[in-house]
Amino acid sequence: MAKFMQVIDSKAADLVENGEAKAAFARLLPQAFAMATSENEEFLTMSVREMGYLAMFGTSPEKVSELDALLKEIGG
């Protein structure tokens, strides 16, 4: 499996390429995931950190931390 950098700096495109990471992203940050995988491909170039600055992505520090922990398990 690919190693992930700290999740808040991982690009959405990198997260959706890995099945386990994609599922965790979709479950924990559903609004950000839906927007990142929508027709606007620009969102795939954004990191979770960048999404966190914009309310439209619906992220929270708690969910980002939870996703970070899961990705560390997935990526080793």
N, C-alpha and C. Protein backbone atom coordinates (compact mmCIF):
# COMPACT_ATOMS: atom_id res chain seq x y z
N MET A 1 0.83 -1.19 0.00
CA MET A 1 0.00 0.00 0.00
C MET A 1 0.87 1.24 0.00
N ALA A 2 0.34 2.28 -0.60
CA ALA A 2 1.08 3.54 -0.65
C ALA A 2 1.10 4.18 0.73
N LYS A 3 2.21 4.83 1.02
CA LYS A 3 2.29 5.59 2.28
C LYS A 3 1.68 6.95 2.05
N PHE A 4 0.96 7.42 3.03
CA PHE A 4 0.36 8.75 2.94
C PHE A 4 1.14 9.68 3.84
N MET A 5 1.31 10.91 3.35
CA MET A 5 1.86 11.93 4.22
C MET A 5 0.78 12.28 5.23
N GLN A 6 1.06 13.19 6.11
CA GLN A 6 0.03 13.59 7.06
C GLN A 6 -1.23 13.93 6.27
N VAL A 7 -2.35 13.38 6.65
CA VAL A 7 -3.58 13.48 5.86
C VAL A 7 -3.95 14.91 5.50
N ILE A 8 -3.74 15.83 6.37
CA ILE A 8 -4.18 17.19 6.06
C ILE A 8 -3.38 17.78 4.91
N ASP A 9 -2.25 17.18 4.56
CA ASP A 9 -1.46 17.65 3.42
C ASP A 9 -1.60 16.74 2.20
N SER A 10 -2.32 15.65 2.32
CA SER A 10 -2.54 14.75 1.19
C SER A 10 -3.56 15.36 0.25
N LYS A 11 -3.29 15.26 -1.03
CA LYS A 11 -4.24 15.75 -2.04
C LYS A 11 -5.41 14.78 -2.12
N ALA A 12 -6.58 15.32 -2.38
CA ALA A 12 -7.78 14.48 -2.50
C ALA A 12 -7.59 13.43 -3.59
N ALA A 13 -6.91 13.78 -4.67
CA ALA A 13 -6.67 12.82 -5.76
C ALA A 13 -5.90 11.60 -5.26
N ASP A 14 -4.95 11.79 -4.37
CA ASP A 14 -4.19 10.68 -3.82
C ASP A 14 -5.05 9.79 -2.93
N LEU A 15 -5.94 10.41 -2.19
CA LEU A 15 -6.81 9.65 -1.29
C LEU A 15 -7.80 8.79 -2.05
N VAL A 16 -8.35 9.31 -3.15
CA VAL A 16 -9.38 8.55 -3.87
C VAL A 16 -8.79 7.45 -4.76
N GLU A 17 -7.47 7.41 -4.91
CA GLU A 17 -6.83 6.36 -5.71
C GLU A 17 -6.66 5.06 -4.93
N ASN A 18 -6.76 5.13 -3.61
CA ASN A 18 -6.60 3.96 -2.76
C ASN A 18 -7.97 3.60 -2.20
N GLY A 19 -8.38 2.36 -2.39
CA GLY A 19 -9.73 1.94 -1.97
C GLY A 19 -10.03 2.18 -0.51
N GLU A 20 -9.10 1.81 0.38
CA GLU A 20 -9.33 1.99 1.82
C GLU A 20 -9.34 3.46 2.19
N ALA A 21 -8.42 4.22 1.63
CA ALA A 21 -8.35 5.66 1.92
C ALA A 21 -9.60 6.37 1.39
N LYS A 22 -10.03 5.96 0.22
CA LYS A 22 -11.24 6.54 -0.39
C LYS A 22 -12.45 6.30 0.49
N ALA A 23 -12.60 5.07 0.98
CA ALA A 23 -13.74 4.73 1.84
C ALA A 23 -13.71 5.53 3.14
N ALA A 24 -12.52 5.68 3.73
CA ALA A 24 -12.40 6.45 4.97
C ALA A 24 -12.71 7.92 4.72
N PHE A 25 -12.21 8.47 3.63
CA PHE A 25 -12.46 9.86 3.25
C PHE A 25 -13.96 10.08 3.07
N ALA A 26 -14.61 9.17 2.35
CA ALA A 26 -16.06 9.29 2.10
C ALA A 26 -16.87 9.18 3.39
N ARG A 27 -16.45 8.30 4.29
CA ARG A 27 -17.21 8.09 5.53
C ARG A 27 -17.03 9.24 6.52
N LEU A 28 -15.79 9.74 6.65
CA LEU A 28 -15.51 10.74 7.68
C LEU A 28 -15.74 12.18 7.22
N LEU A 29 -15.52 12.43 5.95
CA LEU A 29 -15.70 13.79 5.42
C LEU A 29 -16.58 13.71 4.16
N PRO A 30 -17.84 13.31 4.33
CA PRO A 30 -18.69 13.04 3.16
C PRO A 30 -18.91 14.25 2.25
N GLN A 31 -19.05 15.42 2.82
CA GLN A 31 -19.28 16.60 1.99
C GLN A 31 -18.03 16.94 1.19
N ALA A 32 -16.88 16.90 1.82
CA ALA A 32 -15.61 17.17 1.12
C ALA A 32 -15.37 16.11 0.06
N PHE A 33 -15.66 14.84 0.37
CA PHE A 33 -15.49 13.76 -0.59
C PHE A 33 -16.40 13.96 -1.80
N ALA A 34 -17.65 14.28 -1.55
CA ALA A 34 -18.61 14.48 -2.65
C ALA A 34 -18.15 15.61 -3.56
N MET A 35 -17.66 16.67 -2.97
CA MET A 35 -17.21 17.80 -3.77
C MET A 35 -15.91 17.46 -4.52
N ALA A 36 -15.02 16.74 -3.87
CA ALA A 36 -13.74 16.39 -4.50
C ALA A 36 -13.93 15.44 -5.67
N THR A 37 -14.97 14.63 -5.63
CA THR A 37 -15.21 13.66 -6.70
C THR A 37 -16.31 14.11 -7.65
N SER A 38 -16.67 15.37 -7.58
CA SER A 38 -17.70 15.92 -8.45
C SER A 38 -17.10 16.28 -9.81
N GLU A 39 -17.85 16.99 -10.60
CA GLU A 39 -17.40 17.38 -11.93
C GLU A 39 -16.25 18.38 -11.91
N ASN A 40 -16.07 19.10 -10.81
CA ASN A 40 -15.02 20.10 -10.72
C ASN A 40 -13.72 19.43 -10.30
N GLU A 41 -12.90 19.07 -11.26
CA GLU A 41 -11.66 18.34 -10.99
C GLU A 41 -10.64 19.16 -10.20
N GLU A 42 -10.83 20.47 -10.14
CA GLU A 42 -9.92 21.32 -9.37
C GLU A 42 -9.89 20.92 -7.90
N PHE A 43 -11.02 20.44 -7.38
CA PHE A 43 -11.08 20.05 -5.98
C PHE A 43 -10.16 18.86 -5.68
N LEU A 44 -9.88 18.02 -6.67
CA LEU A 44 -8.98 16.89 -6.46
C LEU A 44 -7.55 17.33 -6.20
N THR A 45 -7.21 18.54 -6.62
CA THR A 45 -5.85 19.05 -6.42
C THR A 45 -5.68 19.68 -5.04
N MET A 46 -6.77 19.81 -4.31
CA MET A 46 -6.72 20.43 -2.98
C MET A 46 -6.37 19.40 -1.92
N SER A 47 -5.71 19.86 -0.88
CA SER A 47 -5.44 19.00 0.27
C SER A 47 -6.59 19.12 1.26
N VAL A 48 -6.64 18.18 2.18
CA VAL A 48 -7.66 18.25 3.22
C VAL A 48 -7.46 19.52 4.04
N ARG A 49 -6.20 19.93 4.24
CA ARG A 49 -5.91 21.18 4.95
C ARG A 49 -6.56 22.36 4.23
N GLU A 50 -6.38 22.42 2.91
CA GLU A 50 -6.97 23.51 2.13
C GLU A 50 -8.49 23.49 2.20
N MET A 51 -9.07 22.30 2.14
CA MET A 51 -10.53 22.18 2.24
C MET A 51 -11.02 22.68 3.60
N GLY A 52 -10.20 22.49 4.61
CA GLY A 52 -10.57 22.91 5.96
C GLY A 52 -10.74 24.40 6.13
N TYR A 53 -10.15 25.17 5.23
CA TYR A 53 -10.27 26.62 5.30
C TYR A 53 -11.58 27.13 4.71
N LEU A 54 -12.28 26.27 3.99
CA LEU A 54 -13.51 26.68 3.32
C LEU A 54 -14.71 25.92 3.89
N ALA A 55 -15.65 26.66 4.44
CA ALA A 55 -16.82 26.06 5.09
C ALA A 55 -17.63 25.16 4.16
N MET A 56 -17.58 25.43 2.87
CA MET A 56 -18.39 24.66 1.92
C MET A 56 -18.01 23.18 1.88
N PHE A 57 -16.81 22.82 2.38
CA PHE A 57 -16.38 21.43 2.39
C PHE A 57 -16.84 20.68 3.63
N GLY A 58 -17.35 21.35 4.63
CA GLY A 58 -17.93 20.70 5.80
C GLY A 58 -16.96 19.86 6.62
N THR A 59 -15.70 20.29 6.72
CA THR A 59 -14.72 19.54 7.51
C THR A 59 -14.74 20.02 8.96
N SER A 60 -14.19 19.22 9.85
CA SER A 60 -14.02 19.62 11.24
C SER A 60 -12.66 19.10 11.70
N PRO A 61 -12.04 19.79 12.65
CA PRO A 61 -10.73 19.32 13.14
C PRO A 61 -10.79 17.90 13.68
N GLU A 62 -11.88 17.52 14.31
CA GLU A 62 -12.02 16.18 14.87
C GLU A 62 -12.05 15.11 13.78
N LYS A 63 -12.82 15.36 12.74
CA LYS A 63 -12.93 14.39 11.65
C LYS A 63 -11.62 14.29 10.87
N VAL A 64 -10.93 15.43 10.68
CA VAL A 64 -9.64 15.41 10.00
C VAL A 64 -8.63 14.60 10.82
N SER A 65 -8.64 14.78 12.12
CA SER A 65 -7.74 14.00 12.99
C SER A 65 -8.06 12.52 12.93
N GLU A 66 -9.34 12.18 12.90
CA GLU A 66 -9.75 10.78 12.81
C GLU A 66 -9.32 10.18 11.48
N LEU A 67 -9.48 10.94 10.39
CA LEU A 67 -9.04 10.47 9.09
C LEU A 67 -7.52 10.31 9.05
N ASP A 68 -6.81 11.24 9.66
CA ASP A 68 -5.35 11.17 9.73
C ASP A 68 -4.92 9.87 10.39
N ALA A 69 -5.54 9.53 11.51
CA ALA A 69 -5.19 8.30 12.25
C ALA A 69 -5.47 7.06 11.40
N LEU A 70 -6.61 7.03 10.71
CA LEU A 70 -6.94 5.89 9.86
C LEU A 70 -5.96 5.74 8.70
N LEU A 71 -5.57 6.86 8.09
CA LEU A 71 -4.65 6.79 6.97
C LEU A 71 -3.27 6.34 7.40
N LYS A 72 -2.90 6.68 8.62
CA LYS A 72 -1.60 6.20 9.13
C LYS A 72 -1.63 4.69 9.27
N GLU A 73 -2.77 4.12 9.66
CA GLU A 73 -2.92 2.68 9.75
C GLU A 73 -2.89 2.04 8.36
N ILE A 74 -3.59 2.66 7.42
CA ILE A 74 -3.68 2.14 6.07
C ILE A 74 -2.32 2.20 5.36
N GLY A 75 -1.68 3.35 5.49
CA GLY A 75 -0.43 3.57 4.77
C GLY A 75 0.79 3.01 5.43
N GLY A 76 0.67 2.64 6.68
CA GLY A 76 1.80 2.06 7.39
C GLY A 76 2.74 3.08 7.83
